[in-house]
Protein backbone atom coordinates (compact mmCIF):
# COMPACT_ATOMS: atom_id res chain seq x y z
CA MET A 1 -1.37 -36.59 10.22
CA THR A 2 -3.41 -33.98 12.35
CA PRO A 3 -2.29 -30.29 11.62
CA PRO A 4 -1.00 -28.46 14.24
CA GLN A 5 -4.19 -26.10 16.09
CA ALA A 6 -3.89 -22.49 17.18
CA PRO A 7 -3.32 -21.71 20.64
CA PRO A 8 -6.67 -21.11 22.44
CA GLY A 9 -7.68 -17.37 21.89
CA GLY A 10 -5.01 -16.85 19.56
CA ASP A 11 -7.34 -14.78 16.95
CA SER A 12 -8.35 -12.45 20.09
CA ARG A 13 -5.02 -12.07 20.55
CA ASN A 14 -4.16 -11.24 17.26
CA LEU A 15 -7.11 -8.74 16.71
CA THR A 16 -6.05 -7.24 19.55
CA LEU A 17 -2.20 -6.17 18.35
CA ARG A 18 -3.52 -5.43 15.09
CA ILE A 19 -6.18 -2.85 17.09
CA LEU A 20 -3.33 -1.22 18.86
CA ALA A 21 -1.25 -1.25 16.03
CA GLY A 22 -3.80 0.75 14.08
CA VAL A 23 -4.67 3.01 17.01
CA VAL A 24 -1.12 3.98 17.21
CA LEU A 25 -0.13 3.89 13.73
CA ALA A 26 -3.04 5.30 12.03
CA PRO A 27 -3.04 8.61 14.13
CA LEU A 28 0.75 9.53 12.94
CA THR A 29 -0.11 8.48 9.43
CA VAL A 30 -2.91 11.11 9.35
CA ALA A 31 -0.57 13.63 11.11
CA ALA A 32 2.19 13.31 8.54
CA ALA A 33 -0.46 13.02 5.59
CA TYR A 34 -1.73 16.61 7.00
CA PHE A 35 1.14 17.89 7.36
CA GLY A 36 2.03 17.06 3.89
CA GLY A 37 5.35 18.45 2.77
CA TRP A 38 9.05 16.95 3.79
CA LEU A 39 7.07 15.10 6.68
CA TRP A 40 4.84 13.06 4.01
CA ALA A 41 7.62 12.60 1.49
CA VAL A 42 10.10 11.56 4.52
CA LEU A 43 7.32 8.68 6.01
CA ALA A 44 6.97 7.66 2.51
CA THR A 45 10.23 7.05 1.24
CA LEU A 46 11.42 5.19 4.59
CA ALA A 47 8.16 3.08 4.61
CA THR A 48 9.47 2.42 0.50
CA MET A 49 12.79 1.74 1.63
CA GLY A 50 11.73 -0.64 4.05
CA MET A 51 9.71 -2.45 2.21
CA TYR A 52 12.46 -2.84 -0.36
CA ALA A 53 14.15 -4.21 1.79
CA GLU A 54 11.37 -6.87 2.73
CA TRP A 55 11.20 -7.83 -0.39
CA LEU A 56 14.68 -8.76 -0.87
CA VAL A 57 14.16 -11.36 2.13
CA VAL A 58 10.58 -12.53 0.94
CA VAL A 59 12.41 -13.65 -2.76
CA GLN A 60 15.32 -14.65 -1.53
CA ALA A 61 17.78 -12.08 -3.04
CA ILE A 62 19.23 -10.91 0.05
CA ASN A 63 22.55 -9.27 -0.43
CA PRO A 64 23.53 -6.04 0.90
CA ARG A 65 25.01 -4.76 -2.33
CA VAL A 66 21.77 -5.45 -3.87
CA ALA A 67 19.81 -3.56 -0.88
CA ALA A 68 21.83 -0.73 -0.90
CA ALA A 69 21.44 -0.20 -4.58
CA GLY A 70 17.80 -0.36 -4.36
CA ILE A 71 16.98 1.49 -0.74
CA ALA A 72 19.58 4.44 -2.04
CA PRO A 73 17.76 5.49 -4.99
CA LEU A 74 14.89 5.68 -2.99
CA ALA A 75 16.12 7.64 -0.51
CA VAL A 76 17.09 9.92 -3.17
CA ALA A 77 13.88 10.33 -5.12
CA GLY A 78 12.16 10.92 -1.77
CA ILE A 79 14.02 13.73 -1.61
CA ALA A 80 13.79 14.77 -5.33
CA LEU A 81 9.69 14.38 -4.98
CA ALA A 82 9.76 16.48 -1.96
CA ILE A 83 11.79 19.56 -3.91
CA GLY A 84 9.35 19.15 -6.40
CA ALA A 85 11.88 17.30 -9.17
CA PRO A 86 10.23 14.28 -10.42
CA GLU A 87 12.96 13.66 -13.33
CA TRP A 88 15.54 13.74 -11.11
CA ALA A 89 13.69 11.07 -8.83
CA LEU A 90 12.82 8.48 -12.32
CA LEU A 91 16.91 9.45 -12.92
CA ALA A 92 17.42 7.63 -9.50
CA ILE A 93 15.13 4.97 -9.99
CA GLY A 94 17.09 4.21 -13.58
CA VAL A 95 20.23 3.86 -11.73
CA GLY A 96 18.86 1.81 -9.30
CA LEU A 97 17.73 -0.95 -11.42
CA ILE A 98 20.75 -0.67 -13.70
CA ALA A 99 22.56 -1.51 -10.61
CA ILE A 100 20.53 -3.85 -9.43
CA ALA A 101 21.11 -5.51 -12.70
CA ALA A 102 24.73 -5.77 -12.33
CA LEU A 103 24.59 -6.94 -8.86
CA ALA A 104 22.19 -9.43 -8.57
CA ARG A 105 23.19 -13.17 -9.05
CA ILE A 106 20.00 -14.89 -7.72
CA ASN A 107 16.67 -14.05 -8.44
CA ARG A 108 17.42 -11.04 -10.48
CA VAL A 109 14.27 -10.49 -11.81
CA TRP A 110 12.60 -10.51 -8.84
CA ALA A 111 15.09 -8.09 -7.28
CA LEU A 112 14.30 -5.53 -9.79
CA SER A 113 10.72 -6.23 -9.58
CA GLY A 114 10.81 -4.75 -5.92
CA LEU A 115 12.52 -1.78 -6.62
CA LEU A 116 9.84 -1.02 -9.02
CA TYR A 117 7.34 -2.07 -6.80
CA ALA A 118 8.67 0.47 -3.76
CA ALA A 119 9.20 3.49 -6.56
CA SER A 120 5.86 3.30 -7.57
CA ALA A 121 4.60 3.48 -4.70
CA LEU A 122 6.68 6.31 -3.63
CA PHE A 123 5.85 8.23 -6.32
CA GLY A 124 1.83 7.47 -6.04
CA ALA A 125 2.19 8.67 -2.40
CA VAL A 126 4.24 11.83 -2.62
CA LEU A 127 2.40 13.01 -6.00
CA VAL A 128 -1.72 12.58 -4.39
CA ARG A 129 -0.44 14.33 -1.54
CA ALA A 130 1.89 17.47 -3.68
CA ASP A 131 -1.38 19.21 -4.57
CA PRO A 132 -1.58 22.39 -1.52
CA GLN A 133 -5.08 22.59 -1.80
CA SER A 134 -6.39 19.15 -2.54
CA GLY A 135 -3.48 16.49 -1.62
CA PHE A 136 -4.62 16.20 1.84
CA ILE A 137 -8.13 15.32 1.71
CA ALA A 138 -6.97 13.10 -1.40
CA LEU A 139 -4.96 11.21 0.38
CA LEU A 140 -7.39 10.75 3.26
CA PHE A 141 -9.91 9.62 0.90
CA VAL A 142 -6.95 6.72 -0.41
CA LEU A 143 -6.24 5.85 3.23
CA LEU A 144 -9.87 5.58 4.64
CA ILE A 145 -10.58 3.42 1.22
CA VAL A 146 -8.40 1.27 1.75
CA TRP A 147 -8.01 0.96 5.75
CA VAL A 148 -12.03 0.23 5.61
CA THR A 149 -11.57 -2.09 2.64
CA ASP A 150 -9.21 -3.88 5.09
CA ILE A 151 -10.95 -4.02 8.28
CA GLY A 152 -14.39 -4.68 6.79
CA GLY A 153 -12.95 -7.60 4.73
CA TYR A 154 -11.85 -9.08 8.43
CA PHE A 155 -14.84 -8.70 9.95
CA ALA A 156 -17.40 -9.73 7.37
CA GLY A 157 -14.63 -12.80 6.49
CA ARG A 158 -14.90 -13.80 9.86
CA GLY A 159 -18.26 -13.00 10.75
CA ILE A 160 -19.76 -14.22 8.04
CA GLY A 161 -17.62 -16.73 6.49
CA GLY A 162 -18.85 -18.99 3.41
CA PRO A 163 -16.79 -19.69 0.06
CA LYS A 164 -13.12 -18.91 -0.44
CA LEU A 165 -11.65 -15.93 -2.63
CA TRP A 166 -8.67 -17.54 -3.86
CA VAL A 167 -7.84 -20.68 -1.81
CA ARG A 168 -4.47 -21.34 -3.83
CA VAL A 169 -3.31 -17.66 -2.75
CA SER A 170 -4.67 -16.87 0.34
CA PRO A 171 -6.88 -19.07 1.93
CA LYS A 172 -8.31 -17.07 4.55
CA LYS A 173 -9.95 -14.49 2.31
CA THR A 174 -13.62 -15.53 1.67
CA TRP A 175 -16.16 -13.33 -0.75
CA ALA A 176 -17.90 -12.35 2.01
CA GLY A 177 -14.84 -10.61 3.34
CA ALA A 178 -14.15 -9.25 0.01
CA ILE A 179 -17.62 -7.63 -0.70
CA GLY A 180 -18.02 -6.60 3.00
CA GLY A 181 -14.76 -4.19 2.46
CA PHE A 182 -16.12 -3.16 -0.84
CA ALA A 183 -19.37 -2.17 0.48
CA GLY A 184 -17.32 -0.09 3.16
CA SER A 185 -15.57 1.53 0.53
CA LEU A 186 -18.67 2.74 -0.91
CA ALA A 187 -19.68 4.27 2.68
CA VAL A 188 -16.69 6.54 2.90
CA ALA A 189 -17.18 7.53 -1.43
CA ALA A 190 -20.95 8.43 -0.30
CA GLY A 191 -19.94 10.21 2.87
CA PHE A 192 -17.00 12.31 0.99
CA ALA A 193 -19.71 13.40 -1.61
CA ALA A 194 -22.24 14.48 1.29
CA SER A 195 -19.29 16.33 2.31
CA GLY A 196 -19.40 18.25 -0.66
CA PHE A 197 -15.43 16.79 -1.78
CA GLY A 198 -17.22 15.41 -5.36
CA ARG A 199 -20.54 14.68 -7.04
CA MET A 200 -21.66 11.36 -5.51
CA LEU A 201 -21.60 9.19 -8.65
CA PRO A 202 -17.82 9.75 -9.50
CA LEU A 203 -16.66 9.00 -6.18
CA LEU A 204 -18.90 5.97 -5.54
CA LEU A 205 -17.33 4.62 -8.94
CA LEU A 206 -13.67 5.93 -7.51
CA GLY A 207 -13.94 4.52 -4.46
CA ALA A 208 -14.84 1.28 -6.11
CA VAL A 209 -12.29 1.08 -8.39
CA LEU A 210 -9.55 2.05 -5.53
CA SER A 211 -11.57 -1.06 -3.42
CA ILE A 212 -10.86 -3.76 -6.08
CA VAL A 213 -7.78 -2.42 -7.13
CA SER A 214 -6.65 -2.44 -3.03
CA GLN A 215 -7.88 -6.01 -2.69
CA LEU A 216 -5.80 -7.35 -5.89
CA GLY A 217 -2.70 -5.73 -4.35
CA ASP A 218 -3.06 -7.36 -1.05
CA LEU A 219 -3.44 -10.89 -3.46
CA PHE A 220 -0.79 -9.95 -5.08
CA GLU A 221 1.45 -9.31 -2.23
CA SER A 222 0.06 -12.91 -0.36
CA ALA A 223 1.02 -14.63 -4.44
CA VAL A 224 4.69 -13.15 -3.92
CA LYS A 225 4.51 -14.67 -0.76
CA ARG A 226 3.34 -17.99 -1.13
CA ARG A 227 5.41 -18.29 -4.59
CA PHE A 228 8.62 -18.15 -1.44
CA GLY A 229 7.04 -20.29 0.88
CA VAL A 230 6.96 -17.01 3.34
CA LYS A 231 3.44 -16.09 5.27
CA ASP A 232 4.73 -12.76 6.64
CA SER A 233 7.60 -10.26 5.31
CA SER A 234 8.94 -9.17 8.56
CA ASN A 235 7.69 -8.53 12.27
CA VAL A 236 7.60 -5.41 12.86
CA ILE A 237 4.17 -4.51 12.89
CA PRO A 238 2.38 -6.41 15.68
CA GLY A 239 -0.34 -7.91 14.06
CA HIS A 240 0.25 -7.12 11.11
CA GLY A 241 3.38 -8.77 9.76
CA GLY A 242 5.45 -6.43 7.76
CA LEU A 243 5.53 -3.45 6.18
CA LEU A 244 4.73 -5.35 2.70
CA ASP A 245 1.53 -6.97 4.33
CA ARG A 246 0.50 -3.79 6.01
CA LEU A 247 0.70 -1.58 3.21
CA ASP A 248 0.16 -4.34 0.22
CA GLY A 249 -3.77 -2.81 -0.59
CA PHE A 250 -2.07 0.83 -0.19
CA VAL A 251 0.22 0.52 -3.02
CA ALA A 252 -2.17 -0.72 -5.58
CA ALA A 253 -4.31 2.41 -4.80
CA ILE A 254 -1.89 4.51 -4.23
CA VAL A 255 -0.41 3.87 -7.50
CA MET A 256 -3.70 3.95 -9.29
CA ALA A 257 -4.99 7.03 -7.40
CA ALA A 258 -2.22 8.91 -8.73
CA VAL A 259 -2.43 7.95 -12.27
CA ILE A 260 -6.24 8.79 -12.13
CA GLY A 261 -4.96 12.15 -10.27
CA VAL A 262 -2.19 12.88 -12.74
CA MET A 263 -4.52 12.32 -15.88
CA ARG A 264 -6.92 14.68 -14.76
CA GLY A 265 -4.94 17.27 -12.94
CA GLY A 266 -0.93 16.96 -14.09
CA LEU A 267 1.87 15.95 -11.86
CA ASP A 268 0.99 19.06 -9.45
CA GLY A 269 -2.58 18.76 -8.97
CA ALA A 270 -2.90 14.79 -8.42
CA GLY A 271 -5.20 15.83 -5.87
CA ARG A 272 -7.24 17.91 -7.44
CA GLY A 273 -7.61 15.58 -10.44
CA LEU A 274 -8.15 12.63 -8.48
CA LEU A 275 -11.81 14.30 -5.85
CA MET A 276 -12.74 17.25 -8.23
CA TRP A 277 -14.72 15.51 -10.32
């Protein structure tokens, strides 16, 4: 049986939608990151709430009570992080996990892991931006690494082609795309170092780590979708799919960035600890 063929111009239309979505969303994200504070916390909270709702759909654990048990704690955690009370944010997520464990009847482990996934992204995004001096630059660094890794991978993969990266998980991804995205991330890191935001070698290593982690995050989300036979987590973002599809690499990268930043600068200085080597 011959597989269905993509409609003529399908790839170019998808690329156009991706570009248009990026032109709209990227400046809004950078603006929110620049102003930080409540604006960034609200954006991060709304995004992670949406991610959890999509996760439940993907893992076939749709239940209004389970959704509420995950979304409400994320909202509380976002408020707590915005006012500088991470301990209350952790408590809210803990309560949410207990509630989900009690309420979920189908795919309970997957429902619980979805809240942990979304909460990790929320904590990472807010903590990296929290530093008033270096938070914006640190967050911008992570965003650009993720975006350039994605864009470089997209064009290198389609322009060069070649051996597939991991066919069972993501049939379209190639080694050329992975290397192209990685090379782009090094260029971003070199640019930040040349601009005086840190020393060259440490920033190149950091950019390399975040690029690799970002690509692993992309593969992880693809593996989850493949496990449940889902192509896109939703259609909320034209050309990209859902929030999970768009933010998979960012989630992995921002969590790693937050871990590195907190280890070096503490909860209030994660941004400074991430970049100022």
